[in-house]
């Protein structure tokens, strides 16, 4: 199957092919990886990538999967499904619009306040899971409408931590 892998706003084509014994081969233009995996629960996998073991945490917003490996968040979109939906006239998948953790975590810091304007990529909330801290960022330019968590709250994938309102930035001196 063909996928598009996005990391730090760079998208790379990725082909995943099954091999013997339930393993996969993942190939991008830059490299080829041998991968095996074992599901721990609905959002947690233990993967072995080219002989190195790691934990992977997965969340799905319906358009794409977010996969966190060693504190790095990857977004994976099924390129085959994307091509089919584009051909059929359906809207193509977009980036996630909600601020939700990629794995069960604890809120350790809130970096914004209600009413604050944020730009794409600005830090909003820091969560900690498995002794790794991850900063969840604004997926688009917006105003913070509501903060739904407090420091030390336990959160899970799908929990919306911050409500954002898209729109143009208001300038108090313009009337």
N, C-alpha and C. Protein backbone atom coordinates (compact mmCIF):
# COMPACT_ATOMS: atom_id res chain seq x y z
N UNK A 1 0.84 -1.18 0.00
CA UNK A 1 0.00 0.00 0.00
C UNK A 1 0.88 1.23 0.00
N UNK A 2 0.34 2.29 -0.55
CA UNK A 2 1.08 3.54 -0.62
C UNK A 2 0.50 4.53 0.40
N UNK A 3 1.42 5.24 1.07
CA UNK A 3 1.04 6.23 2.07
C UNK A 3 1.84 7.50 1.82
N UNK A 4 1.39 8.58 2.44
CA UNK A 4 2.16 9.82 2.49
C UNK A 4 2.49 10.05 3.95
N UNK A 5 3.78 10.17 4.25
CA UNK A 5 4.27 10.36 5.60
C UNK A 5 4.68 11.81 5.75
N UNK A 6 4.13 12.50 6.77
CA UNK A 6 4.46 13.90 7.00
C UNK A 6 5.20 14.04 8.32
N UNK A 7 6.34 14.72 8.26
CA UNK A 7 7.15 15.02 9.44
C UNK A 7 7.68 16.42 9.26
N UNK A 8 7.37 17.30 10.23
CA UNK A 8 7.82 18.70 10.18
C UNK A 8 7.48 19.36 8.85
N UNK A 9 6.24 19.20 8.42
CA UNK A 9 5.70 19.83 7.21
C UNK A 9 6.34 19.32 5.92
N UNK A 10 7.14 18.24 5.98
CA UNK A 10 7.70 17.63 4.78
C UNK A 10 6.97 16.31 4.55
N UNK A 11 6.42 16.13 3.35
CA UNK A 11 5.69 14.92 3.03
C UNK A 11 6.54 14.04 2.12
N UNK A 12 6.59 12.76 2.47
CA UNK A 12 7.39 11.78 1.73
C UNK A 12 6.50 10.60 1.37
N UNK A 13 6.56 10.11 0.12
CA UNK A 13 5.81 8.89 -0.21
C UNK A 13 6.42 7.69 0.50
N UNK A 14 5.56 6.76 0.95
CA UNK A 14 6.01 5.59 1.68
C UNK A 14 5.22 4.39 1.16
N UNK A 15 5.92 3.33 0.79
CA UNK A 15 5.28 2.10 0.35
C UNK A 15 5.48 1.05 1.42
N UNK A 16 4.39 0.39 1.83
CA UNK A 16 4.45 -0.66 2.84
C UNK A 16 4.01 -1.96 2.19
N UNK A 17 4.90 -2.98 2.28
CA UNK A 17 4.63 -4.28 1.68
C UNK A 17 4.80 -5.37 2.73
N UNK A 18 3.83 -6.31 2.80
CA UNK A 18 4.00 -7.42 3.74
C UNK A 18 5.12 -8.34 3.26
N UNK A 19 5.85 -8.92 4.21
CA UNK A 19 6.88 -9.91 3.89
C UNK A 19 6.56 -11.17 4.70
N UNK A 20 7.49 -12.07 4.82
CA UNK A 20 7.26 -13.33 5.54
C UNK A 20 7.04 -13.10 7.03
N UNK A 21 6.33 -14.02 7.66
CA UNK A 21 6.13 -14.05 9.11
C UNK A 21 5.47 -12.79 9.68
N UNK A 22 4.58 -12.16 8.95
CA UNK A 22 3.86 -11.00 9.46
C UNK A 22 4.67 -9.73 9.56
N UNK A 23 5.82 -9.69 8.94
CA UNK A 23 6.65 -8.48 8.95
C UNK A 23 6.27 -7.61 7.77
N UNK A 24 6.82 -6.39 7.74
CA UNK A 24 6.59 -5.47 6.63
C UNK A 24 7.91 -4.88 6.17
N UNK A 25 7.91 -4.47 4.94
CA UNK A 25 9.03 -3.69 4.43
C UNK A 25 8.47 -2.32 4.11
N UNK A 26 9.11 -1.27 4.66
CA UNK A 26 8.69 0.10 4.41
C UNK A 26 9.77 0.76 3.58
N UNK A 27 9.35 1.38 2.48
CA UNK A 27 10.32 1.98 1.58
C UNK A 27 9.91 3.40 1.22
N UNK A 28 10.86 4.32 1.44
CA UNK A 28 10.71 5.71 1.01
C UNK A 28 11.79 5.96 -0.03
N UNK A 29 11.78 7.11 -0.69
CA UNK A 29 12.86 7.38 -1.65
C UNK A 29 14.25 7.37 -1.01
N UNK A 30 14.32 7.64 0.30
CA UNK A 30 15.62 7.72 0.98
C UNK A 30 16.10 6.41 1.58
N UNK A 31 15.17 5.54 2.03
CA UNK A 31 15.61 4.33 2.72
C UNK A 31 14.57 3.23 2.69
N UNK A 32 15.03 2.04 3.05
CA UNK A 32 14.19 0.85 3.15
C UNK A 32 14.35 0.30 4.57
N UNK A 33 13.22 -0.02 5.23
CA UNK A 33 13.25 -0.50 6.60
C UNK A 33 12.50 -1.83 6.71
N UNK A 34 13.02 -2.74 7.54
CA UNK A 34 12.33 -3.98 7.87
C UNK A 34 11.65 -3.77 9.22
N UNK A 35 10.34 -4.04 9.29
CA UNK A 35 9.56 -3.74 10.49
C UNK A 35 8.73 -4.96 10.91
N UNK A 36 8.77 -5.27 12.19
CA UNK A 36 7.84 -6.22 12.79
C UNK A 36 7.15 -5.50 13.94
N UNK A 37 5.99 -6.01 14.35
CA UNK A 37 5.28 -5.33 15.41
C UNK A 37 4.37 -6.24 16.19
N UNK A 38 4.02 -5.79 17.38
CA UNK A 38 3.10 -6.50 18.26
C UNK A 38 2.20 -5.46 18.90
N UNK A 39 0.89 -5.68 18.82
CA UNK A 39 -0.08 -4.75 19.41
C UNK A 39 -0.14 -4.98 20.92
N UNK A 40 0.02 -3.90 21.68
CA UNK A 40 -0.10 -3.95 23.14
C UNK A 40 -1.55 -3.66 23.54
N UNK A 41 -2.12 -2.60 22.97
CA UNK A 41 -3.54 -2.29 23.14
C UNK A 41 -3.99 -1.48 21.93
N UNK A 42 -5.16 -0.85 22.00
CA UNK A 42 -5.71 -0.15 20.83
C UNK A 42 -4.83 0.99 20.32
N UNK A 43 -4.04 1.61 21.18
CA UNK A 43 -3.24 2.76 20.75
C UNK A 43 -1.73 2.54 20.89
N UNK A 44 -1.31 1.37 21.35
CA UNK A 44 0.10 1.13 21.65
C UNK A 44 0.60 -0.10 20.90
N UNK A 45 1.70 0.07 20.16
CA UNK A 45 2.37 -1.03 19.47
C UNK A 45 3.81 -1.09 19.95
N UNK A 46 4.38 -2.30 19.98
CA UNK A 46 5.82 -2.42 20.15
C UNK A 46 6.37 -2.84 18.80
N UNK A 47 7.23 -2.00 18.22
CA UNK A 47 7.79 -2.25 16.89
C UNK A 47 9.27 -2.58 16.98
N UNK A 48 9.73 -3.37 16.03
CA UNK A 48 11.16 -3.59 15.84
C UNK A 48 11.46 -3.09 14.43
N UNK A 49 12.26 -2.03 14.34
CA UNK A 49 12.58 -1.39 13.07
C UNK A 49 14.06 -1.60 12.80
N UNK A 50 14.36 -2.37 11.75
CA UNK A 50 15.75 -2.74 11.45
C UNK A 50 16.49 -3.23 12.68
N UNK A 51 15.81 -4.08 13.47
CA UNK A 51 16.44 -4.71 14.62
C UNK A 51 16.41 -3.91 15.91
N UNK A 52 15.88 -2.69 15.88
CA UNK A 52 15.84 -1.85 17.08
C UNK A 52 14.39 -1.75 17.57
N UNK A 53 14.16 -2.10 18.84
CA UNK A 53 12.82 -2.07 19.41
C UNK A 53 12.42 -0.67 19.85
N UNK A 54 11.12 -0.35 19.71
CA UNK A 54 10.61 0.94 20.16
C UNK A 54 9.11 0.84 20.38
N UNK A 55 8.60 1.74 21.20
CA UNK A 55 7.16 1.85 21.42
C UNK A 55 6.59 2.86 20.45
N UNK A 56 5.43 2.55 19.90
CA UNK A 56 4.72 3.46 19.00
C UNK A 56 3.31 3.64 19.54
N UNK A 57 2.84 4.89 19.53
CA UNK A 57 1.50 5.21 20.00
C UNK A 57 0.74 5.82 18.84
N UNK A 58 -0.48 5.34 18.61
CA UNK A 58 -1.23 5.71 17.42
C UNK A 58 -2.56 6.34 17.81
N UNK A 59 -2.92 7.42 17.12
CA UNK A 59 -4.26 7.97 17.21
C UNK A 59 -4.75 8.20 15.78
N UNK A 60 -6.06 8.26 15.63
CA UNK A 60 -6.66 8.37 14.30
C UNK A 60 -7.76 9.41 14.36
N UNK A 61 -7.68 10.43 13.48
CA UNK A 61 -8.73 11.46 13.47
C UNK A 61 -9.72 11.25 12.33
N UNK A 62 -9.66 10.09 11.66
CA UNK A 62 -10.55 9.81 10.55
C UNK A 62 -9.95 10.13 9.20
N UNK A 63 -9.08 11.11 9.14
CA UNK A 63 -8.41 11.47 7.89
C UNK A 63 -6.99 10.95 7.82
N UNK A 64 -6.35 10.86 8.97
CA UNK A 64 -4.94 10.46 9.02
C UNK A 64 -4.67 9.80 10.36
N UNK A 65 -3.56 9.07 10.42
CA UNK A 65 -3.10 8.51 11.67
C UNK A 65 -1.91 9.32 12.14
N UNK A 66 -1.87 9.58 13.44
CA UNK A 66 -0.72 10.22 14.05
C UNK A 66 0.00 9.11 14.81
N UNK A 67 1.30 8.97 14.54
CA UNK A 67 2.09 7.92 15.17
C UNK A 67 3.26 8.57 15.89
N UNK A 68 3.37 8.33 17.20
CA UNK A 68 4.49 8.88 17.96
C UNK A 68 5.47 7.76 18.24
N UNK A 69 6.71 7.96 17.80
CA UNK A 69 7.80 7.01 18.04
C UNK A 69 8.96 7.81 18.63
N UNK A 70 9.40 7.41 19.81
CA UNK A 70 10.52 8.08 20.48
C UNK A 70 10.33 9.59 20.56
N UNK A 71 9.12 10.04 20.87
CA UNK A 71 8.86 11.46 21.05
C UNK A 71 8.69 12.24 19.76
N UNK A 72 8.77 11.58 18.61
CA UNK A 72 8.61 12.25 17.32
C UNK A 72 7.23 11.89 16.76
N UNK A 73 6.46 12.90 16.37
CA UNK A 73 5.12 12.68 15.86
C UNK A 73 5.13 12.66 14.34
N UNK A 74 4.64 11.55 13.77
CA UNK A 74 4.53 11.37 12.33
C UNK A 74 3.05 11.35 11.97
N UNK A 75 2.71 11.88 10.81
CA UNK A 75 1.34 11.80 10.33
C UNK A 75 1.36 10.94 9.08
N UNK A 76 0.45 9.95 9.01
CA UNK A 76 0.40 9.03 7.88
C UNK A 76 -0.98 9.08 7.27
N UNK A 77 -1.02 9.35 5.96
CA UNK A 77 -2.28 9.38 5.20
C UNK A 77 -2.21 8.29 4.14
N UNK A 78 -3.27 7.51 4.02
CA UNK A 78 -3.34 6.45 3.02
C UNK A 78 -3.43 7.11 1.64
N UNK A 79 -2.33 7.06 0.88
CA UNK A 79 -2.27 7.73 -0.42
C UNK A 79 -3.23 7.09 -1.42
N UNK A 80 -3.42 5.76 -1.33
CA UNK A 80 -4.35 5.09 -2.23
C UNK A 80 -5.78 5.59 -1.99
N UNK A 81 -6.19 5.66 -0.73
CA UNK A 81 -7.54 6.15 -0.40
C UNK A 81 -7.68 7.63 -0.76
N UNK A 82 -6.63 8.39 -0.55
CA UNK A 82 -6.64 9.81 -0.89
C UNK A 82 -6.83 9.98 -2.40
N UNK A 83 -6.14 9.17 -3.19
CA UNK A 83 -6.29 9.25 -4.65
C UNK A 83 -7.70 8.85 -5.07
N UNK A 84 -8.26 7.80 -4.46
CA UNK A 84 -9.62 7.38 -4.80
C UNK A 84 -10.63 8.47 -4.46
N UNK A 85 -10.48 9.11 -3.28
CA UNK A 85 -11.45 10.14 -2.88
C UNK A 85 -11.31 11.38 -3.76
N UNK A 86 -10.10 11.69 -4.22
CA UNK A 86 -9.90 12.83 -5.10
C UNK A 86 -10.54 12.57 -6.45
N UNK A 87 -10.38 11.35 -6.96
CA UNK A 87 -10.97 10.99 -8.24
C UNK A 87 -12.48 11.01 -8.16
N UNK A 88 -13.04 10.56 -7.02
CA UNK A 88 -14.49 10.51 -6.88
C UNK A 88 -15.09 11.87 -6.54
N UNK A 89 -14.25 12.87 -6.37
CA UNK A 89 -14.75 14.22 -6.09
C UNK A 89 -14.87 14.53 -4.62
N UNK A 90 -14.54 13.60 -3.76
CA UNK A 90 -14.61 13.87 -2.32
C UNK A 90 -13.45 14.77 -1.91
N UNK A 91 -13.62 15.43 -0.82
CA UNK A 91 -12.56 16.31 -0.32
C UNK A 91 -11.35 15.49 0.11
N UNK A 92 -10.18 16.00 -0.14
CA UNK A 92 -8.97 15.29 0.28
C UNK A 92 -8.76 15.49 1.78
N UNK A 93 -8.07 14.53 2.42
CA UNK A 93 -7.85 14.66 3.86
C UNK A 93 -7.07 15.92 4.20
N UNK A 94 -7.36 16.46 5.34
CA UNK A 94 -6.67 17.65 5.80
C UNK A 94 -5.90 17.30 7.06
N UNK A 95 -5.07 18.22 7.50
CA UNK A 95 -4.35 18.02 8.73
C UNK A 95 -5.32 18.02 9.90
N UNK A 96 -4.94 17.40 11.01
CA UNK A 96 -5.83 17.39 12.17
C UNK A 96 -6.18 18.81 12.60
N UNK A 97 -7.42 18.99 13.08
CA UNK A 97 -7.87 20.32 13.49
C UNK A 97 -8.05 20.38 15.01
N UNK A 98 -7.96 19.24 15.69
CA UNK A 98 -8.16 19.21 17.13
C UNK A 98 -6.83 19.03 17.85
N UNK A 99 -6.74 19.57 19.05
CA UNK A 99 -5.55 19.42 19.87
C UNK A 99 -5.83 18.26 20.82
N UNK A 100 -5.28 17.09 20.49
CA UNK A 100 -5.51 15.88 21.25
C UNK A 100 -4.19 15.12 21.41
N UNK A 101 -3.97 14.47 22.53
CA UNK A 101 -2.69 13.77 22.72
C UNK A 101 -2.62 12.51 21.85
N UNK A 102 -1.42 12.14 21.41
CA UNK A 102 -1.28 10.95 20.57
C UNK A 102 -1.31 9.65 21.38
N UNK A 103 -1.25 9.75 22.71
CA UNK A 103 -1.24 8.58 23.58
C UNK A 103 -1.75 9.00 24.95
N UNK A 104 -2.12 8.05 25.81
CA UNK A 104 -2.49 8.43 27.18
C UNK A 104 -1.32 9.19 27.83
N UNK A 105 -1.63 10.27 28.52
CA UNK A 105 -0.58 11.13 29.06
C UNK A 105 -1.12 11.93 30.25
N UNK A 106 -0.22 12.73 30.83
CA UNK A 106 -0.57 13.65 31.92
C UNK A 106 -0.18 15.05 31.48
N UNK A 107 -1.06 16.02 31.70
CA UNK A 107 -0.77 17.41 31.35
C UNK A 107 0.26 17.96 32.35
N UNK A 108 1.38 18.48 31.83
CA UNK A 108 2.41 19.03 32.73
C UNK A 108 2.53 20.54 32.62
N UNK A 109 2.02 21.13 31.52
CA UNK A 109 2.13 22.58 31.37
C UNK A 109 1.09 23.07 30.36
N UNK A 110 0.48 24.19 30.66
CA UNK A 110 -0.42 24.85 29.72
C UNK A 110 0.28 26.14 29.31
N UNK A 111 0.50 26.32 28.02
CA UNK A 111 1.33 27.40 27.51
C UNK A 111 0.54 28.59 26.98
N UNK A 112 -0.80 28.52 27.00
CA UNK A 112 -1.62 29.58 26.42
C UNK A 112 -2.73 29.98 27.40
N UNK A 113 -3.42 31.05 27.06
CA UNK A 113 -4.56 31.52 27.85
C UNK A 113 -5.75 31.71 26.92
N UNK A 114 -6.94 31.65 27.49
CA UNK A 114 -8.16 31.88 26.71
C UNK A 114 -8.09 33.28 26.09
N UNK A 115 -8.43 33.36 24.82
CA UNK A 115 -8.41 34.63 24.11
C UNK A 115 -7.11 34.90 23.37
N UNK A 116 -6.08 34.15 23.68
CA UNK A 116 -4.77 34.37 23.06
C UNK A 116 -4.79 33.95 21.59
N UNK A 117 -4.16 34.74 20.74
CA UNK A 117 -3.98 34.40 19.32
C UNK A 117 -2.76 33.49 19.20
N UNK A 118 -2.89 32.43 18.42
CA UNK A 118 -1.77 31.52 18.18
C UNK A 118 -1.59 31.32 16.69
N UNK A 119 -0.38 31.02 16.31
CA UNK A 119 -0.03 30.73 14.91
C UNK A 119 0.22 29.24 14.77
N UNK A 120 0.11 28.74 13.56
CA UNK A 120 0.40 27.34 13.28
C UNK A 120 1.75 26.96 13.86
N UNK A 121 1.78 25.89 14.65
CA UNK A 121 3.03 25.41 15.24
C UNK A 121 3.35 25.97 16.61
N UNK A 122 2.60 26.99 17.09
CA UNK A 122 2.83 27.52 18.44
C UNK A 122 2.48 26.45 19.47
N UNK A 123 3.28 26.34 20.53
CA UNK A 123 3.02 25.39 21.60
C UNK A 123 1.77 25.77 22.38
N UNK A 124 0.94 24.77 22.70
CA UNK A 124 -0.29 25.01 23.46
C UNK A 124 -0.25 24.31 24.81
N UNK A 125 0.04 23.02 24.80
CA UNK A 125 0.00 22.20 26.00
C UNK A 125 1.17 21.22 25.94
N UNK A 126 1.80 20.96 27.09
CA UNK A 126 2.85 19.95 27.18
C UNK A 126 2.28 18.78 27.96
N UNK A 127 2.40 17.57 27.38
CA UNK A 127 1.95 16.36 28.05
C UNK A 127 3.15 15.44 28.25
N UNK A 128 3.04 14.55 29.23
CA UNK A 128 4.12 13.62 29.53
C UNK A 128 3.56 12.21 29.52
N UNK A 129 4.27 11.32 28.83
CA UNK A 129 3.92 9.90 28.80
C UNK A 129 5.20 9.10 28.74
N UNK A 130 5.31 8.09 29.56
CA UNK A 130 6.49 7.23 29.57
C UNK A 130 7.78 8.04 29.71
N UNK A 131 7.75 9.03 30.58
CA UNK A 131 8.91 9.88 30.88
C UNK A 131 9.37 10.72 29.69
N UNK A 132 8.49 10.90 28.70
CA UNK A 132 8.79 11.77 27.55
C UNK A 132 7.77 12.90 27.54
N UNK A 133 8.26 14.12 27.38
CA UNK A 133 7.36 15.26 27.27
C UNK A 133 7.16 15.58 25.80
N UNK A 134 5.92 15.90 25.45
CA UNK A 134 5.57 16.26 24.08
C UNK A 134 4.79 17.56 24.11
N UNK A 135 5.19 18.51 23.27
CA UNK A 135 4.45 19.76 23.16
C UNK A 135 3.43 19.62 22.04
N UNK A 136 2.17 19.79 22.38
CA UNK A 136 1.10 19.78 21.38
C UNK A 136 0.97 21.20 20.83
N UNK A 137 0.93 21.32 19.53
CA UNK A 137 0.98 22.63 18.89
C UNK A 137 -0.31 22.96 18.16
N UNK A 138 -0.44 24.25 17.83
CA UNK A 138 -1.61 24.72 17.10
C UNK A 138 -1.56 24.20 15.66
N UNK A 139 -2.63 23.53 15.20
CA UNK A 139 -2.65 23.01 13.84
C UNK A 139 -2.96 24.07 12.78
N UNK A 140 -3.37 25.27 13.22
CA UNK A 140 -3.69 26.37 12.31
C UNK A 140 -3.68 27.67 13.10
N UNK A 141 -3.66 28.81 12.41
CA UNK A 141 -3.74 30.11 13.06
C UNK A 141 -5.14 30.23 13.68
N UNK A 142 -5.19 30.64 14.95
CA UNK A 142 -6.49 30.66 15.63
C UNK A 142 -6.43 31.51 16.90
N UNK A 143 -7.59 31.57 17.56
CA UNK A 143 -7.73 32.18 18.88
C UNK A 143 -8.09 31.05 19.84
N UNK A 144 -7.48 31.04 21.02
CA UNK A 144 -7.80 30.02 22.02
C UNK A 144 -9.17 30.36 22.59
N UNK A 145 -10.16 29.50 22.33
CA UNK A 145 -11.52 29.74 22.78
C UNK A 145 -11.76 29.17 24.18
N UNK A 146 -11.11 28.02 24.46
CA UNK A 146 -11.34 27.37 25.75
C UNK A 146 -10.21 26.39 26.03
N UNK A 147 -9.83 26.29 27.27
CA UNK A 147 -8.85 25.29 27.71
C UNK A 147 -9.62 24.26 28.53
N UNK A 148 -9.59 23.01 28.09
CA UNK A 148 -10.43 21.96 28.68
C UNK A 148 -9.71 21.10 29.71
N UNK A 149 -8.47 21.43 30.04
CA UNK A 149 -7.68 20.63 30.98
C UNK A 149 -6.95 21.53 31.96
N UNK A 150 -6.40 20.90 32.99
CA UNK A 150 -5.56 21.59 33.97
C UNK A 150 -4.28 20.76 34.15
N UNK A 151 -3.26 21.37 34.70
CA UNK A 151 -2.02 20.66 34.97
C UNK A 151 -2.34 19.47 35.87
N UNK A 152 -1.72 18.34 35.60
CA UNK A 152 -1.87 17.06 36.30
C UNK A 152 -3.10 16.26 35.87
N UNK A 153 -3.91 16.77 34.92
CA UNK A 153 -5.02 15.98 34.40
C UNK A 153 -4.50 14.83 33.57
N UNK A 154 -5.15 13.67 33.67
CA UNK A 154 -4.84 12.52 32.82
C UNK A 154 -5.70 12.65 31.56
N UNK A 155 -5.06 12.50 30.39
CA UNK A 155 -5.75 12.67 29.12
C UNK A 155 -5.47 11.47 28.22
N UNK A 156 -6.30 11.29 27.22
CA UNK A 156 -6.18 10.15 26.30
C UNK A 156 -6.41 10.62 24.87
N UNK A 157 -5.97 9.83 23.89
CA UNK A 157 -6.24 10.19 22.50
C UNK A 157 -7.74 10.44 22.29
N UNK A 158 -8.05 11.48 21.57
CA UNK A 158 -9.44 11.85 21.34
C UNK A 158 -9.94 12.93 22.28
N UNK A 159 -9.31 13.08 23.45
CA UNK A 159 -9.68 14.17 24.36
C UNK A 159 -9.22 15.48 23.74
N UNK A 160 -10.11 16.43 23.59
CA UNK A 160 -9.74 17.73 23.02
C UNK A 160 -9.29 18.62 24.18
N UNK A 161 -8.01 18.95 24.17
CA UNK A 161 -7.41 19.67 25.29
C UNK A 161 -7.64 21.17 25.21
N UNK A 162 -7.64 21.71 23.99
CA UNK A 162 -7.82 23.15 23.78
C UNK A 162 -8.77 23.34 22.61
N UNK A 163 -9.79 24.17 22.80
CA UNK A 163 -10.69 24.53 21.69
C UNK A 163 -10.13 25.77 21.00
N UNK A 164 -10.00 25.69 19.70
CA UNK A 164 -9.48 26.80 18.90
C UNK A 164 -10.55 27.31 17.96
N UNK A 165 -10.58 28.62 17.75
CA UNK A 165 -11.49 29.23 16.78
C UNK A 165 -10.64 29.81 15.66
N UNK A 166 -10.86 29.30 14.46
CA UNK A 166 -10.14 29.82 13.30
C UNK A 166 -10.72 31.18 12.96
N UNK A 167 -9.95 31.95 12.27
CA UNK A 167 -10.42 33.27 11.85
C UNK A 167 -9.28 34.23 11.83
N UNK A 168 -9.57 35.37 11.29
CA UNK A 168 -8.52 36.38 11.20
C UNK A 168 -8.29 37.01 12.56
N UNK A 169 -7.06 37.33 12.81
CA UNK A 169 -6.68 37.96 14.07
C UNK A 169 -7.36 39.32 14.20
N UNK A 170 -7.94 39.56 15.36
CA UNK A 170 -8.59 40.85 15.60
C UNK A 170 -7.55 41.85 16.10
N UNK A 171 -7.61 43.04 15.58
CA UNK A 171 -6.69 44.09 16.02
C UNK A 171 -7.52 45.12 16.79
N UNK A 172 -7.25 45.34 18.08
CA UNK A 172 -8.06 46.22 18.90
C UNK A 172 -8.07 47.66 18.42
N UNK A 173 -7.07 48.09 17.63
CA UNK A 173 -7.04 49.47 17.16
C UNK A 173 -7.81 49.66 15.87
N UNK A 174 -8.23 48.56 15.25
CA UNK A 174 -9.01 48.68 14.01
C UNK A 174 -10.48 48.63 14.35
N UNK A 175 -11.26 49.53 13.79
CA UNK A 175 -12.69 49.55 14.08
C UNK A 175 -13.48 49.53 12.81
